[in-house]
Amino acid sequence: MTDMERLPSFNGEFAPIAYRDGGIDLLDQTKLPGQVQMLRITQVSGVAEAIRHMRVRGAPAIGITAAYGLVLAADNGDEIIPAAGSLRATRPTAVNLTWAIERMLAIFRGHKDKPLLDLRAALLTEAHRIHAEDIGANRCMGRHGAELLPPGATVLTICNTGALATGGYGTAYGVLRAAHEQGRLELVYACETRPFLQGARLTAWELKKDEIPFRLIVDSAAAYIMSAGKIDAVLAGADRIAQNGDSANKIGTYCLGVLAHHHGIPLYVVAPRSTIDTTIASGEEIPIEERPGQEITAPFGINIAPADTPTWNPAFDVTPASLIAAIVTETGVHRPPYRLTGKER
């Protein structure tokens, strides 16, 4: 069996995670692209570790993983509420994590007085539903977003928003896939996305797998390539979107937004409605995760800075709504002024 044949799938779509026979099969994304390594996780603590250490990453994917994690809690007879708390604490910025956990807790509350087998079955059904809904939403976003691109489009993207970051197919990357399938996409420029290199390691891996033409660039080349008139649109995902359209995404997205605005290039944010945080009015209220400084000074265990170098390593930044040409969800294309409720039609 080849590495590609070993990849997990759900509903016929390549996915980074699958629940099987009382455990989670997880593609360890910290090993890509050099090694395709599957993890078998059977304990909630293992799920929390995988999310915290970015073995699985991307807002929709970690929400789905947490949902399956609560199924494992029921499998093992663990207390559901503490298990949910431990999963919720793993990464603070991605609202999809809390959204998925709350859906699972609603099922728990409705079945907590029923036999354990009934509770477990209900939780698994809901987790599968969350997973299936995400893939369906991604395909819809792909179609809506592809319509925004001109024929023969050249697109710049950041981080990884593909199947690896979701339940399958991808958000902003799903737009690339849909445009490629329609013959509308000429070339993708993928930012490397320091310091964790999701663009270089993961997006390039998916683009090669899907046979989509691309070029990998260093993050600091974005301004130059825009000034050369080579970019038709910038596509980005989101980990949390405020009601006014301010969007938190991988660090460096705000920079691309400023550059795109200066050069008259549209920036499109692509994310499911579950990424909209209806409890906050603006991006000022979005919590920004700060990650260990070793990701900067010694990425993947390779020292590139002097010992004890002080660091600041925010994982995300917030792009103001004023820099976003449109927000694409599964229900369509939404343009400013944004008044997002998570129920857009």
Protein backbone atom coordinates (compact mmCIF):
# COMPACT_ATOMS: atom_id res chain seq x y z
CA MET A 1 0.00 0.00 0.00
CA THR A 2 1.39 3.42 -0.98
CA ASP A 3 1.50 6.43 1.34
CA MET A 4 -1.37 8.06 -0.58
CA GLU A 5 -3.49 4.92 -0.27
CA ARG A 6 -3.02 5.05 3.51
CA LEU A 7 -4.55 8.50 3.83
CA PRO A 8 -7.82 8.69 5.79
CA SER A 9 -11.07 9.57 4.05
CA PHE A 10 -14.64 10.46 4.91
CA ASN A 11 -17.61 10.16 2.56
CA GLY A 12 -15.17 9.48 -0.26
CA GLU A 13 -13.19 12.69 0.35
CA PHE A 14 -9.58 12.81 1.55
CA ALA A 15 -9.64 14.07 5.13
CA PRO A 16 -6.97 14.48 7.82
CA ILE A 17 -9.09 12.63 10.38
CA ALA A 18 -11.42 9.67 10.56
CA TYR A 19 -13.15 7.87 13.44
CA ARG A 20 -12.86 4.09 13.27
CA ASP A 21 -13.59 1.27 15.70
CA GLY A 22 -13.29 3.19 18.96
CA GLY A 23 -10.38 5.41 17.92
CA ILE A 24 -9.31 8.32 15.75
CA ASP A 25 -7.04 7.87 12.74
CA LEU A 26 -5.15 11.15 12.39
CA LEU A 27 -2.65 12.25 9.78
CA ASP A 28 0.25 13.81 11.70
CA GLN A 29 0.75 17.09 9.86
CA THR A 30 3.96 17.89 11.71
CA LYS A 31 5.61 15.09 9.69
CA LEU A 32 4.55 16.33 6.26
CA PRO A 33 5.76 16.54 3.58
CA GLY A 34 8.62 14.16 4.28
CA GLN A 35 6.62 11.43 5.96
CA VAL A 36 3.00 10.28 5.83
CA GLN A 37 2.48 9.09 9.40
CA MET A 38 -0.88 8.04 10.80
CA LEU A 39 -1.62 8.37 14.50
CA ARG A 40 -4.07 6.13 16.29
CA ILE A 41 -5.62 8.03 19.18
CA THR A 42 -7.90 6.36 21.73
CA GLN A 43 -7.79 8.81 24.66
CA VAL A 44 -9.05 12.38 25.08
CA SER A 45 -5.61 13.40 26.35
CA GLY A 46 -4.14 12.27 23.03
CA VAL A 47 -6.68 14.37 21.14
CA ALA A 48 -5.81 17.44 23.21
CA GLU A 49 -2.09 16.85 22.63
CA ALA A 50 -2.61 16.49 18.88
CA ILE A 51 -4.54 19.78 18.68
CA ARG A 52 -2.19 21.70 20.97
CA HIS A 53 0.95 20.59 19.11
CA MET A 54 -0.63 21.13 15.68
CA ARG A 55 -0.55 17.50 14.60
CA VAL A 56 -3.99 18.49 13.39
CA ARG A 57 -4.61 22.17 12.61
CA GLY A 58 -7.00 24.44 10.78
CA ALA A 59 -10.12 25.76 12.50
CA PRO A 60 -12.68 23.36 10.97
CA ALA A 61 -10.40 20.34 11.38
CA ILE A 62 -9.72 20.92 15.06
CA GLY A 63 -13.44 21.37 15.69
CA ILE A 64 -14.15 18.01 14.04
CA THR A 65 -11.28 16.40 15.93
CA ALA A 66 -12.64 17.69 19.24
CA ALA A 67 -16.08 16.33 18.36
CA TYR A 68 -14.62 12.88 17.80
CA GLY A 69 -12.63 13.37 21.00
CA LEU A 70 -15.86 13.56 22.98
CA VAL A 71 -16.96 10.32 21.34
CA LEU A 72 -13.75 8.78 22.69
CA ALA A 73 -14.64 10.14 26.12
CA ALA A 74 -17.95 8.25 25.97
CA ASP A 75 -16.15 5.15 24.64
CA ASN A 76 -13.85 5.19 27.65
CA GLY A 77 -16.45 6.12 30.25
CA ASP A 78 -14.78 9.49 30.91
CA GLU A 79 -16.67 12.46 32.30
CA ILE A 80 -17.87 14.45 29.29
CA ILE A 81 -17.84 17.96 30.80
CA PRO A 82 -14.20 17.85 31.99
CA ALA A 83 -13.19 16.26 28.70
CA ALA A 84 -14.86 19.10 26.83
CA GLY A 85 -13.06 21.62 29.03
CA SER A 86 -9.66 20.10 28.33
CA LEU A 87 -10.30 20.16 24.58
CA ARG A 88 -11.68 23.70 24.63
CA ALA A 89 -8.48 24.96 26.30
CA THR A 90 -6.12 23.66 23.62
CA ARG A 91 -6.24 26.62 21.19
CA PRO A 92 -8.09 29.86 21.98
CA THR A 93 -8.48 31.67 18.65
CA ALA A 94 -10.35 29.21 16.43
CA VAL A 95 -14.04 29.61 17.22
CA ASN A 96 -14.93 26.39 15.36
CA LEU A 97 -13.41 24.46 18.26
CA THR A 98 -15.88 25.87 20.79
CA TRP A 99 -18.72 25.72 18.25
CA ALA A 100 -18.23 21.98 17.68
CA ILE A 101 -17.84 21.25 21.40
CA GLU A 102 -21.06 23.12 22.19
CA ARG A 103 -22.93 21.06 19.58
CA MET A 104 -21.63 17.87 21.18
CA LEU A 105 -22.50 19.08 24.67
CA ALA A 106 -26.06 19.79 23.54
CA ILE A 107 -26.33 16.13 22.50
CA PHE A 108 -24.82 15.06 25.81
CA ARG A 109 -27.35 17.08 27.80
CA GLY A 110 -30.20 15.53 25.83
CA HIS A 111 -28.94 11.98 26.40
CA LYS A 112 -27.08 12.05 29.71
CA ASP A 113 -29.88 10.16 31.50
CA LYS A 114 -30.01 7.46 28.83
CA PRO A 115 -27.90 4.27 28.69
CA LEU A 116 -24.24 4.81 27.84
CA LEU A 117 -24.57 3.01 24.51
CA ASP A 118 -27.35 5.38 23.48
CA LEU A 119 -25.31 8.41 24.53
CA ARG A 120 -22.27 7.16 22.67
CA ALA A 121 -24.29 6.46 19.52
CA ALA A 122 -25.86 9.92 19.63
CA LEU A 123 -22.48 11.60 20.08
CA LEU A 124 -20.95 9.66 17.19
CA THR A 125 -23.90 10.52 14.95
CA GLU A 126 -23.48 14.22 15.75
CA ALA A 127 -19.71 14.10 15.18
CA HIS A 128 -20.25 12.45 11.80
CA ARG A 129 -22.87 15.10 11.01
CA ILE A 130 -20.43 17.92 11.86
CA HIS A 131 -17.82 16.29 9.64
CA ALA A 132 -20.20 15.75 6.71
CA GLU A 133 -21.61 19.27 6.98
CA ASP A 134 -18.11 20.71 6.79
CA ILE A 135 -17.29 18.91 3.55
CA GLY A 136 -20.61 20.01 2.06
CA ALA A 137 -20.01 23.59 3.14
CA ASN A 138 -16.51 23.55 1.66
CA ARG A 139 -17.78 22.40 -1.72
CA CYS A 140 -20.37 25.19 -1.71
CA MET A 141 -17.72 27.76 -0.78
CA GLY A 142 -15.53 26.45 -3.57
CA ARG A 143 -18.25 27.05 -6.15
CA HIS A 144 -19.18 30.49 -4.82
CA GLY A 145 -15.56 31.62 -4.58
CA ALA A 146 -14.55 30.33 -8.01
CA GLU A 147 -17.14 32.66 -9.56
CA LEU A 148 -15.19 35.63 -8.18
CA LEU A 149 -12.07 34.75 -10.15
CA PRO A 150 -11.48 35.83 -13.75
CA PRO A 151 -10.73 33.16 -16.36
CA GLY A 152 -7.07 32.21 -16.27
CA ALA A 153 -6.67 33.59 -12.77
CA THR A 154 -3.39 33.79 -10.87
CA VAL A 155 -4.04 33.69 -7.13
CA LEU A 156 -1.93 34.27 -4.02
CA THR A 157 -2.74 32.35 -0.85
CA ILE A 158 -1.35 31.98 2.67
CA CYS A 159 -1.08 29.16 5.19
CA ASN A 160 -2.99 25.95 4.47
CA THR A 161 -6.74 25.97 3.99
CA GLY A 162 -7.12 22.69 2.14
CA ALA A 163 -8.43 19.28 3.08
CA LEU A 164 -5.71 19.14 5.74
CA ALA A 165 -7.29 22.11 7.55
CA THR A 166 -10.88 20.94 7.27
CA GLY A 167 -13.11 17.90 7.16
CA GLY A 168 -12.20 17.59 3.47
CA TYR A 169 -11.93 19.61 0.23
CA GLY A 170 -10.91 22.92 1.83
CA THR A 171 -12.09 26.51 2.36
CA ALA A 172 -9.93 29.06 0.50
CA TYR A 173 -8.08 26.11 -1.00
CA GLY A 174 -11.47 24.69 -1.97
CA VAL A 175 -11.94 27.77 -4.16
CA LEU A 176 -8.65 26.92 -5.86
CA ARG A 177 -9.80 23.34 -6.38
CA ALA A 178 -13.15 24.40 -7.80
CA ALA A 179 -11.55 26.98 -10.10
CA HIS A 180 -9.03 24.39 -11.28
CA GLU A 181 -11.80 21.86 -11.93
CA GLN A 182 -13.63 24.52 -13.98
CA GLY A 183 -10.51 25.40 -15.99
CA ARG A 184 -10.50 28.96 -14.58
CA LEU A 185 -7.21 28.78 -12.65
CA GLU A 186 -3.82 29.31 -14.29
CA LEU A 187 -1.43 29.48 -11.34
CA VAL A 188 -1.27 29.62 -7.55
CA TYR A 189 1.44 31.46 -5.62
CA ALA A 190 1.67 29.95 -2.13
CA CYS A 191 3.32 31.92 0.67
CA GLU A 192 5.64 29.75 2.76
CA THR A 193 3.90 31.02 5.95
CA ARG A 194 6.52 31.36 8.64
CA PRO A 195 7.22 30.22 11.25
CA PHE A 196 5.42 26.85 11.00
CA LEU A 197 5.64 26.78 7.19
CA GLN A 198 2.09 25.56 6.53
CA GLY A 199 2.32 26.95 3.01
CA ALA A 200 5.64 25.31 2.17
CA ARG A 201 4.96 22.01 3.89
CA LEU A 202 1.21 21.52 3.55
CA THR A 203 -0.29 23.68 0.81
CA ALA A 204 2.51 22.76 -1.59
CA TRP A 205 1.93 19.09 -0.68
CA GLU A 206 -1.80 19.37 -1.45
CA LEU A 207 -1.24 21.36 -4.65
CA LYS A 208 1.13 18.67 -5.90
CA LYS A 209 -1.31 15.92 -4.89
CA ASP A 210 -4.14 17.67 -6.75
CA GLU A 211 -1.93 18.54 -9.76
CA ILE A 212 -2.70 22.27 -9.52
CA PRO A 213 0.02 24.50 -11.06
CA PHE A 214 1.77 26.56 -8.37
CA ARG A 215 4.89 28.39 -7.27
CA LEU A 216 6.08 28.59 -3.66
CA ILE A 217 7.36 31.99 -2.53
CA VAL A 218 8.86 33.40 0.64
CA ASP A 219 6.42 35.53 2.61
CA SER A 220 8.41 38.70 1.98
CA ALA A 221 8.06 38.29 -1.81
CA ALA A 222 4.32 39.03 -1.69
CA ALA A 223 4.69 42.80 -2.13
CA TYR A 224 7.01 42.46 -5.10
CA ILE A 225 4.85 39.94 -6.93
CA MET A 226 1.77 42.13 -6.42
CA SER A 227 3.63 45.18 -7.71
CA ALA A 228 4.55 43.21 -10.84
CA GLY A 229 0.85 42.89 -11.67
CA LYS A 230 0.87 39.11 -11.53
CA ILE A 231 -1.87 38.57 -8.93
CA ASP A 232 -5.61 38.68 -9.67
CA ALA A 233 -6.83 37.87 -6.17
CA VAL A 234 -5.66 36.93 -2.67
CA LEU A 235 -7.46 34.07 -0.94
CA ALA A 236 -7.32 33.49 2.81
CA GLY A 237 -9.14 31.39 5.35
CA ALA A 238 -10.21 32.48 8.82
CA ASP A 239 -10.17 31.13 12.35
CA ARG A 240 -12.67 33.63 13.73
CA ILE A 241 -14.77 36.34 12.07
CA ALA A 242 -16.44 39.14 14.03
CA GLN A 243 -19.91 40.47 13.24
CA ASN A 244 -18.41 43.48 11.43
CA GLY A 245 -16.27 41.27 9.18
CA ASP A 246 -12.93 41.68 10.94
CA SER A 247 -11.21 38.33 10.40
CA ALA A 248 -8.51 36.53 12.38
CA ASN A 249 -6.27 34.27 10.33
CA LYS A 250 -2.70 33.02 10.26
CA ILE A 251 -0.14 35.68 11.11
CA GLY A 252 0.79 37.55 7.94
CA THR A 253 -2.73 37.74 6.51
CA TYR A 254 -3.16 41.33 7.69
CA CYS A 255 0.04 42.21 5.86
CA LEU A 256 -1.34 40.67 2.66
CA GLY A 257 -4.56 42.63 3.16
CA VAL A 258 -2.68 45.93 3.35
CA LEU A 259 -0.57 45.05 0.33
CA ALA A 260 -3.56 43.89 -1.71
CA HIS A 261 -5.48 47.06 -0.89
CA HIS A 262 -2.51 49.21 -1.94
CA HIS A 263 -2.22 47.40 -5.27
CA GLY A 264 -5.95 47.29 -6.00
CA ILE A 265 -6.19 43.51 -5.65
CA PRO A 266 -9.25 41.94 -3.98
CA LEU A 267 -8.71 39.92 -0.81
CA TYR A 268 -11.37 37.26 -0.33
CA VAL A 269 -11.83 35.52 3.02
CA VAL A 270 -13.33 32.04 2.72
CA ALA A 271 -14.74 30.31 5.81
CA PRO A 272 -17.87 28.44 6.92
CA ARG A 273 -20.58 30.17 8.92
CA SER A 274 -19.36 28.29 12.00
CA THR A 275 -16.29 30.57 11.92
CA ILE A 276 -18.45 33.65 12.52
CA ASP A 277 -18.44 34.54 16.22
CA THR A 278 -21.83 36.08 16.80
CA THR A 279 -20.86 37.14 20.34
CA ILE A 280 -18.28 39.74 19.32
CA ALA A 281 -18.77 42.99 17.44
CA SER A 282 -15.24 43.51 16.10
CA GLY A 283 -11.80 42.00 15.81
CA GLU A 284 -10.64 43.84 18.92
CA GLU A 285 -12.42 41.15 20.93
CA ILE A 286 -10.73 38.18 19.25
CA PRO A 287 -8.23 36.39 21.54
CA ILE A 288 -4.88 35.89 19.80
CA GLU A 289 -2.96 32.75 20.61
CA GLU A 290 0.75 33.16 21.35
CA ARG A 291 2.85 30.10 20.66
CA PRO A 292 6.27 28.97 21.92
CA GLY A 293 9.23 31.02 20.77
CA GLN A 294 11.07 27.87 19.72
CA GLU A 295 8.88 27.81 16.61
CA ILE A 296 10.84 30.91 15.50
CA THR A 297 14.28 30.22 16.91
CA ALA A 298 14.44 26.45 16.33
CA PRO A 299 11.78 25.41 13.79
CA PHE A 300 11.45 21.64 13.64
CA GLY A 301 14.37 21.29 16.04
CA ILE A 302 16.89 23.20 13.90
CA ASN A 303 18.52 26.15 15.73
CA ILE A 304 18.60 29.25 13.52
CA ALA A 305 18.98 31.94 16.20
CA PRO A 306 21.37 32.45 19.10
CA ALA A 307 20.55 30.64 22.33
CA ASP A 308 18.10 32.44 24.63
CA THR A 309 16.96 34.84 21.91
CA PRO A 310 13.78 36.59 23.16
CA THR A 311 10.76 36.17 20.90
CA TRP A 312 7.16 37.19 20.35
CA ASN A 313 5.18 34.62 18.40
CA PRO A 314 1.49 35.45 17.83
CA ALA A 315 -0.10 32.71 15.75
CA PHE A 316 -2.74 34.98 14.21
CA ASP A 317 -3.47 38.56 13.25
CA VAL A 318 -6.73 40.37 12.51
CA THR A 319 -7.46 41.78 9.05
CA PRO A 320 -9.93 44.71 9.28
CA ALA A 321 -13.14 44.34 7.32
CA SER A 322 -12.22 47.48 5.36
CA LEU A 323 -9.50 45.47 3.60
CA ILE A 324 -11.71 42.49 2.72
CA ALA A 325 -13.45 42.64 -0.66
CA ALA A 326 -15.84 39.80 0.19
CA ILE A 327 -16.39 37.02 2.69
CA VAL A 328 -17.39 33.71 1.13
CA THR A 329 -19.41 31.22 3.18
CA GLU A 330 -21.41 28.18 2.17
CA THR A 331 -24.45 30.42 1.66
CA GLY A 332 -22.80 32.74 -0.85
CA VAL A 333 -20.66 35.83 -1.29
CA HIS A 334 -21.10 38.56 1.33
CA ARG A 335 -19.84 42.07 0.69
CA PRO A 336 -19.35 45.13 2.90
CA PRO A 337 -20.74 46.61 4.96
CA TYR A 338 -20.69 43.35 6.91
CA ARG A 339 -23.33 42.61 9.50
CA LEU A 340 -22.69 38.93 10.01
CA THR A 341 -24.93 36.79 12.17
CA GLY A 342 -23.91 33.27 11.15
CA LYS A 343 -27.31 32.88 9.48
CA GLU A 344 -26.61 34.65 6.20
CA ARG A 345 -28.69 33.53 3.23
